[in-house]
């Protein structure tokens, strides 16, 4: 179930001017909320892409390793290693 949360953000000076330039008749967004939601969505997508790329790099490295470098690990050992 989706829920809506209201948040208050205070901006001043250059940041406020920048947001104002991107909102309304002169900007790409109709209102500040639309602009902030788009920024959050983009940041979320960026973070997810970074996580994917990190995982992809680790898998590429692992599959390129010689067979003799593999060592058996228990699930608990993998979890402990990833928490470190």
PDB file of N, CA and C in Angstrom:
ATOM      1  N   UNK A   1       0.821  -1.164   0.000  1.00  0.00           N
ATOM      2  CA  UNK A   1       0.000   0.000   0.000  1.00  0.00           C
ATOM      3  C   UNK A   1       0.881   1.248   0.000  1.00  0.00           C
ATOM      4  N   UNK A   2       0.597   2.160  -0.878  1.00  0.00           N
ATOM      5  CA  UNK A   2       1.369   3.386  -1.004  1.00  0.00           C
ATOM      6  C   UNK A   2       0.858   4.422  -0.005  1.00  0.00           C
ATOM      7  N   UNK A   3       1.782   5.185   0.555  1.00  0.00           N
ATOM      8  CA  UNK A   3       1.375   6.249   1.464  1.00  0.00           C
ATOM      9  C   UNK A   3       2.041   7.542   1.047  1.00  0.00           C
ATOM     10  N   UNK A   4       1.412   8.621   1.383  1.00  0.00           N
ATOM     11  CA  UNK A   4       1.928   9.945   1.048  1.00  0.00           C
ATOM     12  C   UNK A   4       2.483  10.589   2.307  1.00  0.00           C
ATOM     13  N   UNK A   5       3.654  11.165   2.194  1.00  0.00           N
ATOM     14  CA  UNK A   5       4.275  11.862   3.307  1.00  0.00           C
ATOM     15  C   UNK A   5       4.520  13.305   2.897  1.00  0.00           C
ATOM     16  N   UNK A   6       4.170  14.211   3.768  1.00  0.00           N
ATOM     17  CA  UNK A   6       4.435  15.619   3.516  1.00  0.00           C
ATOM     18  C   UNK A   6       5.729  15.996   4.210  1.00  0.00           C
ATOM     19  N   UNK A   7       6.622  16.654   3.473  1.00  0.00           N
ATOM     20  CA  UNK A   7       7.911  17.073   4.014  1.00  0.00           C
ATOM     21  C   UNK A   7       8.091  18.557   3.742  1.00  0.00           C
ATOM     22  N   UNK A   8       8.782  19.215   4.635  1.00  0.00           N
ATOM     23  CA  UNK A   8       9.080  20.631   4.461  1.00  0.00           C
ATOM     24  C   UNK A   8      10.575  20.789   4.247  1.00  0.00           C
ATOM     25  N   UNK A   9      10.935  21.532   3.215  1.00  0.00           N
ATOM     26  CA  UNK A   9      12.341  21.782   2.911  1.00  0.00           C
ATOM     27  C   UNK A   9      12.540  23.284   2.820  1.00  0.00           C
ATOM     28  N   UNK A  10      13.539  23.780   3.507  1.00  0.00           N
ATOM     29  CA  UNK A  10      13.842  25.211   3.449  1.00  0.00           C
ATOM     30  C   UNK A  10      15.064  25.422   2.561  1.00  0.00           C
ATOM     31  N   UNK A  11      14.905  26.286   1.584  1.00  0.00           N
ATOM     32  CA  UNK A  11      16.004  26.627   0.683  1.00  0.00           C
ATOM     33  C   UNK A  11      16.171  28.136   0.673  1.00  0.00           C
ATOM     34  N   UNK A  12      17.366  28.556   0.508  1.00  0.00           N
ATOM     35  CA  UNK A  12      17.618  29.982   0.421  1.00  0.00           C
ATOM     36  C   UNK A  12      18.643  30.278  -0.654  1.00  0.00           C
ATOM     37  N   UNK A  13      18.730  31.512  -1.013  1.00  0.00           N
ATOM     38  CA  UNK A  13      19.763  31.970  -1.921  1.00  0.00           C
ATOM     39  C   UNK A  13      19.782  31.275  -3.262  1.00  0.00           C
ATOM     40  N   UNK A  14      20.964  30.811  -3.638  1.00  0.00           N
ATOM     41  CA  UNK A  14      21.181  30.232  -4.957  1.00  0.00           C
ATOM     42  C   UNK A  14      20.338  28.975  -5.186  1.00  0.00           C
ATOM     43  N   UNK A  15      20.150  28.158  -4.147  1.00  0.00           N
ATOM     44  CA  UNK A  15      19.342  26.950  -4.322  1.00  0.00           C
ATOM     45  C   UNK A  15      17.888  27.297  -4.604  1.00  0.00           C
ATOM     46  N   UNK A  16      17.359  28.262  -3.873  1.00  0.00           N
ATOM     47  CA  UNK A  16      15.984  28.694  -4.095  1.00  0.00           C
ATOM     48  C   UNK A  16      15.813  29.278  -5.494  1.00  0.00           C
ATOM     49  N   UNK A  17      16.769  30.069  -5.910  1.00  0.00           N
ATOM     50  CA  UNK A  17      16.726  30.661  -7.250  1.00  0.00           C
ATOM     51  C   UNK A  17      16.780  29.579  -8.327  1.00  0.00           C
ATOM     52  N   UNK A  18      17.603  28.572  -8.102  1.00  0.00           N
ATOM     53  CA  UNK A  18      17.730  27.488  -9.067  1.00  0.00           C
ATOM     54  C   UNK A  18      16.425  26.726  -9.206  1.00  0.00           C
ATOM     55  N   UNK A  19      15.796  26.409  -8.074  1.00  0.00           N
ATOM     56  CA  UNK A  19      14.513  25.703  -8.110  1.00  0.00           C
ATOM     57  C   UNK A  19      13.478  26.567  -8.818  1.00  0.00           C
ATOM     58  N   UNK A  20      13.416  27.818  -8.489  1.00  0.00           N
ATOM     59  CA  UNK A  20      12.444  28.728  -9.117  1.00  0.00           C
ATOM     60  C   UNK A  20      12.621  28.796 -10.628  1.00  0.00           C
ATOM     61  N   UNK A  21      13.865  28.717 -11.083  1.00  0.00           N
ATOM     62  CA  UNK A  21      14.135  28.774 -12.524  1.00  0.00           C
ATOM     63  C   UNK A  21      13.653  27.509 -13.236  1.00  0.00           C
ATOM     64  N   UNK A  22      13.482  26.419 -12.501  1.00  0.00           N
ATOM     65  CA  UNK A  22      13.063  25.152 -13.100  1.00  0.00           C
ATOM     66  C   UNK A  22      11.577  24.858 -12.928  1.00  0.00           C
ATOM     67  N   UNK A  23      10.862  25.755 -12.260  1.00  0.00           N
ATOM     68  CA  UNK A  23       9.445  25.544 -11.951  1.00  0.00           C
ATOM     69  C   UNK A  23       8.618  26.701 -12.494  1.00  0.00           C
ATOM     70  N   UNK A  24       7.410  26.391 -12.929  1.00  0.00           N
ATOM     71  CA  UNK A  24       6.489  27.427 -13.384  1.00  0.00           C
ATOM     72  C   UNK A  24       6.568  27.643 -14.884  1.00  0.00           C
ATOM     73  N   UNK A  25       6.128  28.803 -15.309  1.00  0.00           N
ATOM     74  CA  UNK A  25       6.052  29.117 -16.738  1.00  0.00           C
ATOM     75  C   UNK A  25       7.412  29.044 -17.432  1.00  0.00           C
ATOM     76  N   UNK A  26       8.478  29.396 -16.718  1.00  0.00           N
ATOM     77  CA  UNK A  26       9.809  29.416 -17.323  1.00  0.00           C
ATOM     78  C   UNK A  26      10.555  28.091 -17.193  1.00  0.00           C
ATOM     79  N   UNK A  27      10.032  27.161 -16.399  1.00  0.00           N
ATOM     80  CA  UNK A  27      10.757  25.926 -16.118  1.00  0.00           C
ATOM     81  C   UNK A  27      10.140  24.705 -16.758  1.00  0.00           C
ATOM     82  N   UNK A  28      10.736  23.575 -16.477  1.00  0.00           N
ATOM     83  CA  UNK A  28      10.298  22.293 -17.024  1.00  0.00           C
ATOM     84  C   UNK A  28       9.238  21.616 -16.165  1.00  0.00           C
ATOM     85  N   UNK A  29       8.998  22.128 -14.965  1.00  0.00           N
ATOM     86  CA  UNK A  29       8.064  21.509 -14.029  1.00  0.00           C
ATOM     87  C   UNK A  29       6.964  22.496 -13.663  1.00  0.00           C
ATOM     88  N   UNK A  30       5.770  21.959 -13.418  1.00  0.00           N
ATOM     89  CA  UNK A  30       4.642  22.815 -13.061  1.00  0.00           C
ATOM     90  C   UNK A  30       4.726  23.340 -11.632  1.00  0.00           C
ATOM     91  N   UNK A  31       5.292  22.511 -10.732  1.00  0.00           N
ATOM     92  CA  UNK A  31       5.391  22.944  -9.339  1.00  0.00           C
ATOM     93  C   UNK A  31       6.621  22.317  -8.676  1.00  0.00           C
ATOM     94  N   UNK A  32       6.921  22.800  -7.494  1.00  0.00           N
ATOM     95  CA  UNK A  32       8.113  22.350  -6.783  1.00  0.00           C
ATOM     96  C   UNK A  32       8.013  20.866  -6.436  1.00  0.00           C
ATOM     97  N   UNK A  33       6.829  20.408  -6.031  1.00  0.00           N
ATOM     98  CA  UNK A  33       6.667  18.997  -5.669  1.00  0.00           C
ATOM     99  C   UNK A  33       6.997  18.087  -6.841  1.00  0.00           C
ATOM    100  N   UNK A  34       6.538  18.443  -8.020  1.00  0.00           N
ATOM    101  CA  UNK A  34       6.827  17.646  -9.217  1.00  0.00           C
ATOM    102  C   UNK A  34       8.339  17.594  -9.472  1.00  0.00           C
ATOM    103  N   UNK A  35       8.993  18.727  -9.297  1.00  0.00           N
ATOM    104  CA  UNK A  35      10.440  18.816  -9.494  1.00  0.00           C
ATOM    105  C   UNK A  35      11.182  17.937  -8.480  1.00  0.00           C
ATOM    106  N   UNK A  36      10.813  18.033  -7.217  1.00  0.00           N
ATOM    107  CA  UNK A  36      11.477  17.252  -6.174  1.00  0.00           C
ATOM    108  C   UNK A  36      11.251  15.764  -6.392  1.00  0.00           C
ATOM    109  N   UNK A  37      10.017  15.370  -6.734  1.00  0.00           N
ATOM    110  CA  UNK A  37       9.743  13.949  -6.994  1.00  0.00           C
ATOM    111  C   UNK A  37      10.609  13.421  -8.134  1.00  0.00           C
ATOM    112  N   UNK A  38      10.765  14.218  -9.191  1.00  0.00           N
ATOM    113  CA  UNK A  38      11.600  13.786 -10.313  1.00  0.00           C
ATOM    114  C   UNK A  38      13.063  13.650  -9.892  1.00  0.00           C
ATOM    115  N   UNK A  39      13.559  14.602  -9.084  1.00  0.00           N
ATOM    116  CA  UNK A  39      14.938  14.511  -8.594  1.00  0.00           C
ATOM    117  C   UNK A  39      15.141  13.249  -7.755  1.00  0.00           C
ATOM    118  N   UNK A  40      14.171  12.940  -6.900  1.00  0.00           N
ATOM    119  CA  UNK A  40      14.284  11.751  -6.057  1.00  0.00           C
ATOM    120  C   UNK A  40      14.246  10.493  -6.905  1.00  0.00           C
ATOM    121  N   UNK A  41      13.340  10.433  -7.887  1.00  0.00           N
ATOM    122  CA  UNK A  41      13.275   9.262  -8.774  1.00  0.00           C
ATOM    123  C   UNK A  41      14.595   9.057  -9.508  1.00  0.00           C
ATOM    124  N   UNK A  42      15.157  10.144 -10.023  1.00  0.00           N
ATOM    125  CA  UNK A  42      16.434  10.036 -10.743  1.00  0.00           C
ATOM    126  C   UNK A  42      17.558   9.572  -9.829  1.00  0.00           C
ATOM    127  N   UNK A  43      17.583  10.098  -8.604  1.00  0.00           N
ATOM    128  CA  UNK A  43      18.619   9.696  -7.659  1.00  0.00           C
ATOM    129  C   UNK A  43      18.454   8.226  -7.292  1.00  0.00           C
ATOM    130  N   UNK A  44      17.220   7.770  -7.117  1.00  0.00           N
ATOM    131  CA  UNK A  44      16.942   6.362  -6.821  1.00  0.00           C
ATOM    132  C   UNK A  44      17.413   5.478  -7.978  1.00  0.00           C
ATOM    133  N   UNK A  45      17.107   5.879  -9.208  1.00  0.00           N
ATOM    134  CA  UNK A  45      17.555   5.120 -10.381  1.00  0.00           C
ATOM    135  C   UNK A  45      19.074   5.075 -10.465  1.00  0.00           C
ATOM    136  N   UNK A  46      19.727   6.195 -10.144  1.00  0.00           N
ATOM    137  CA  UNK A  46      21.194   6.250 -10.166  1.00  0.00           C
ATOM    138  C   UNK A  46      21.779   5.294  -9.137  1.00  0.00           C
ATOM    139  N   UNK A  47      21.218   5.301  -7.930  1.00  0.00           N
ATOM    140  CA  UNK A  47      21.709   4.415  -6.870  1.00  0.00           C
ATOM    141  C   UNK A  47      21.506   2.951  -7.251  1.00  0.00           C
ATOM    142  N   UNK A  48      20.357   2.633  -7.834  1.00  0.00           N
ATOM    143  CA  UNK A  48      20.097   1.256  -8.261  1.00  0.00           C
ATOM    144  C   UNK A  48      21.047   0.842  -9.386  1.00  0.00           C
ATOM    145  N   UNK A  49      21.336   1.754 -10.300  1.00  0.00           N
ATOM    146  CA  UNK A  49      22.262   1.452 -11.395  1.00  0.00           C
ATOM    147  C   UNK A  49      23.671   1.240 -10.866  1.00  0.00           C
ATOM    148  N   UNK A  50      24.084   2.044  -9.895  1.00  0.00           N
ATOM    149  CA  UNK A  50      25.405   1.865  -9.284  1.00  0.00           C
ATOM    150  C   UNK A  50      25.507   0.510  -8.599  1.00  0.00           C
ATOM    151  N   UNK A  51      24.456   0.125  -7.876  1.00  0.00           N
ATOM    152  CA  UNK A  51      24.453  -1.179  -7.199  1.00  0.00           C
ATOM    153  C   UNK A  51      24.515  -2.307  -8.222  1.00  0.00           C
ATOM    154  N   UNK A  52      23.764  -2.181  -9.305  1.00  0.00           N
ATOM    155  CA  UNK A  52      23.782  -3.192 -10.365  1.00  0.00           C
ATOM    156  C   UNK A  52      25.167  -3.292 -10.992  1.00  0.00           C
ATOM    157  N   UNK A  53      25.762  -2.145 -11.302  1.00  0.00           N
ATOM    158  CA  UNK A  53      27.093  -2.141 -11.921  1.00  0.00           C
ATOM    159  C   UNK A  53      28.145  -2.735 -10.992  1.00  0.00           C
ATOM    160  N   UNK A  54      28.030  -2.452  -9.686  1.00  0.00           N
ATOM    161  CA  UNK A  54      28.955  -3.021  -8.706  1.00  0.00           C
ATOM    162  C   UNK A  54      28.814  -4.541  -8.679  1.00  0.00           C
ATOM    163  N   UNK A  55      27.580  -5.035  -8.643  1.00  0.00           N
ATOM    164  CA  UNK A  55      27.334  -6.479  -8.647  1.00  0.00           C
ATOM    165  C   UNK A  55      27.830  -7.112  -9.942  1.00  0.00           C
ATOM    166  N   UNK A  56      27.556  -6.462 -11.055  1.00  0.00           N
ATOM    167  CA  UNK A  56      27.991  -6.971 -12.359  1.00  0.00           C
ATOM    168  C   UNK A  56      29.515  -7.069 -12.408  1.00  0.00           C
ATOM    169  N   UNK A  57      30.206  -6.053 -11.873  1.00  0.00           N
ATOM    170  CA  UNK A  57      31.664  -6.071 -11.842  1.00  0.00           C
ATOM    171  C   UNK A  57      32.206  -7.197 -10.982  1.00  0.00           C
ATOM    172  N   UNK A  58      31.568  -7.401  -9.823  1.00  0.00           N
ATOM    173  CA  UNK A  58      32.002  -8.479  -8.941  1.00  0.00           C
ATOM    174  C   UNK A  58      31.785  -9.840  -9.589  1.00  0.00           C
ATOM    175  N   UNK A  59      30.649 -10.020 -10.253  1.00  0.00           N
ATOM    176  CA  UNK A  59      30.379 -11.294 -10.924  1.00  0.00           C
ATOM    177  C   UNK A  59      31.327 -11.520 -12.092  1.00  0.00           C
ATOM    178  N   UNK A  60      31.594 -10.477 -12.860  1.00  0.00           N
ATOM    179  CA  UNK A  60      32.530 -10.588 -13.984  1.00  0.00           C
ATOM    180  C   UNK A  60      33.902 -11.004 -13.479  1.00  0.00           C
ATOM    181  N   UNK A  61      34.334 -10.372 -12.389  1.00  0.00           N
ATOM    182  CA  UNK A  61      35.635 -10.706 -11.791  1.00  0.00           C
ATOM    183  C   UNK A  61      35.639 -12.149 -11.290  1.00  0.00           C
ATOM    184  N   UNK A  62      34.560 -12.552 -10.624  1.00  0.00           N
ATOM    185  CA  UNK A  62      34.485 -13.908 -10.068  1.00  0.00           C
ATOM    186  C   UNK A  62      34.499 -14.972 -11.162  1.00  0.00           C
ATOM    187  N   UNK A  63      33.752 -14.747 -12.232  1.00  0.00           N
ATOM    188  CA  UNK A  63      33.696 -15.747 -13.294  1.00  0.00           C
ATOM    189  C   UNK A  63      34.977 -15.799 -14.115  1.00  0.00           C
ATOM    190  N   UNK A  64      35.777 -14.741 -14.031  1.00  0.00           N
ATOM    191  CA  UNK A  64      37.041 -14.729 -14.761  1.00  0.00           C
ATOM    192  C   UNK A  64      38.169 -15.387 -13.959  1.00  0.00           C
ATOM    193  N   UNK A  65      37.929 -15.648 -12.680  1.00  0.00           N
ATOM    194  CA  UNK A  65      38.971 -16.229 -11.825  1.00  0.00           C
ATOM    195  C   UNK A  65      39.224 -17.684 -12.203  1.00  0.00           C
ATOM    196  N   UNK A  66      40.468 -18.111 -12.080  1.00  0.00           N
ATOM    197  CA  UNK A  66      40.786 -19.524 -12.358  1.00  0.00           C
ATOM    198  C   UNK A  66      40.043 -20.444 -11.389  1.00  0.00           C
ATOM    199  N   UNK A  67      39.709 -21.620 -11.870  1.00  0.00           N
ATOM    200  CA  UNK A  67      38.940 -22.597 -11.086  1.00  0.00           C
ATOM    201  C   UNK A  67      39.597 -22.904  -9.735  1.00  0.00           C
ATOM    202  N   UNK A  68      40.924 -22.969  -9.701  1.00  0.00           N
ATOM    203  CA  UNK A  68      41.609 -23.351  -8.460  1.00  0.00           C
ATOM    204  C   UNK A  68      41.541 -22.270  -7.373  1.00  0.00           C
ATOM    205  N   UNK A  69      41.111 -21.072  -7.725  1.00  0.00           N
ATOM    206  CA  UNK A  69      40.994 -20.013  -6.717  1.00  0.00           C
ATOM    207  C   UNK A  69      39.668 -20.063  -5.963  1.00  0.00           C
ATOM    208  N   UNK A  70      38.746 -20.875  -6.432  1.00  0.00           N
ATOM    209  CA  UNK A  70      37.449 -20.998  -5.757  1.00  0.00           C
ATOM    210  C   UNK A  70      37.613 -21.767  -4.461  1.00  0.00           C
ATOM    211  N   UNK A  71      36.874 -21.364  -3.432  1.00  0.00           N
ATOM    212  CA  UNK A  71      36.886 -22.085  -2.174  1.00  0.00           C
ATOM    213  C   UNK A  71      35.457 -22.211  -1.657  1.00  0.00           C
ATOM    214  N   UNK A  72      35.117 -23.335  -1.077  1.00  0.00           N
ATOM    215  CA  UNK A  72      33.747 -23.509  -0.589  1.00  0.00           C
ATOM    216  C   UNK A  72      33.475 -22.600   0.605  1.00  0.00           C
ATOM    217  N   UNK A  73      32.294 -22.012   0.636  1.00  0.00           N
ATOM    218  CA  UNK A  73      31.867 -21.155   1.737  1.00  0.00           C
ATOM    219  C   UNK A  73      30.464 -21.554   2.158  1.00  0.00           C
ATOM    220  N   UNK A  74      30.202 -21.441   3.446  1.00  0.00           N
ATOM    221  CA  UNK A  74      28.842 -21.657   3.920  1.00  0.00           C
ATOM    222  C   UNK A  74      28.063 -20.363   3.747  1.00  0.00           C
ATOM    223  N   UNK A  75      26.755 -20.463   3.823  1.00  0.00           N
ATOM    224  CA  UNK A  75      25.915 -19.265   3.722  1.00  0.00           C
ATOM    225  C   UNK A  75      26.272 -18.273   4.829  1.00  0.00           C
ATOM    226  N   UNK A  76      26.523 -18.761   6.026  1.00  0.00           N
ATOM    227  CA  UNK A  76      26.882 -17.889   7.150  1.00  0.00           C
ATOM    228  C   UNK A  76      28.185 -17.142   6.875  1.00  0.00           C
ATOM    229  N   UNK A  77      29.147 -17.804   6.254  1.00  0.00           N
ATOM    230  CA  UNK A  77      30.423 -17.153   5.925  1.00  0.00           C
ATOM    231  C   UNK A  77      30.227 -16.059   4.884  1.00  0.00           C
ATOM    232  N   UNK A  78      29.370 -16.313   3.913  1.00  0.00           N
ATOM    233  CA  UNK A  78      29.090 -15.300   2.876  1.00  0.00           C
ATOM    234  C   UNK A  78      28.411 -14.096   3.502  1.00  0.00           C
ATOM    235  N   UNK A  79      27.435 -14.345   4.363  1.00  0.00           N
ATOM    236  CA  UNK A  79      26.722 -13.238   5.011  1.00  0.00           C
ATOM    237  C   UNK A  79      27.666 -12.425   5.873  1.00  0.00           C
ATOM    238  N   UNK A  80      28.502 -13.098   6.655  1.00  0.00           N
ATOM    239  CA  UNK A  80      29.464 -12.397   7.525  1.00  0.00           C
ATOM    240  C   UNK A  80      30.439 -11.578   6.693  1.00  0.00           C
ATOM    241  N   UNK A  81      30.916 -12.132   5.590  1.00  0.00           N
ATOM    242  CA  UNK A  81      31.862 -11.407   4.728  1.00  0.00           C
ATOM    243  C   UNK A  81      31.211 -10.167   4.126  1.00  0.00           C
ATOM    244  N   UNK A  82      29.957 -10.272   3.730  1.00  0.00           N
ATOM    245  CA  UNK A  82      29.278  -9.141   3.107  1.00  0.00           C
ATOM    246  C   UNK A  82      28.907  -8.054   4.109  1.00  0.00           C
ATOM    247  N   UNK A  83      28.808  -8.393   5.373  1.00  0.00           N
ATOM    248  CA  UNK A  83      28.505  -7.397   6.410  1.00  0.00           C
ATOM    249  C   UNK A  83      29.749  -6.602   6.774  1.00  0.00           C
ATOM    250  N   UNK A  84      30.900  -7.138   6.510  1.00  0.00           N
ATOM    251  CA  UNK A  84      32.170  -6.487   6.884  1.00  0.00           C
ATOM    252  C   UNK A  84      32.475  -5.313   5.980  1.00  0.00           C
TER     253      UNK A  84
END
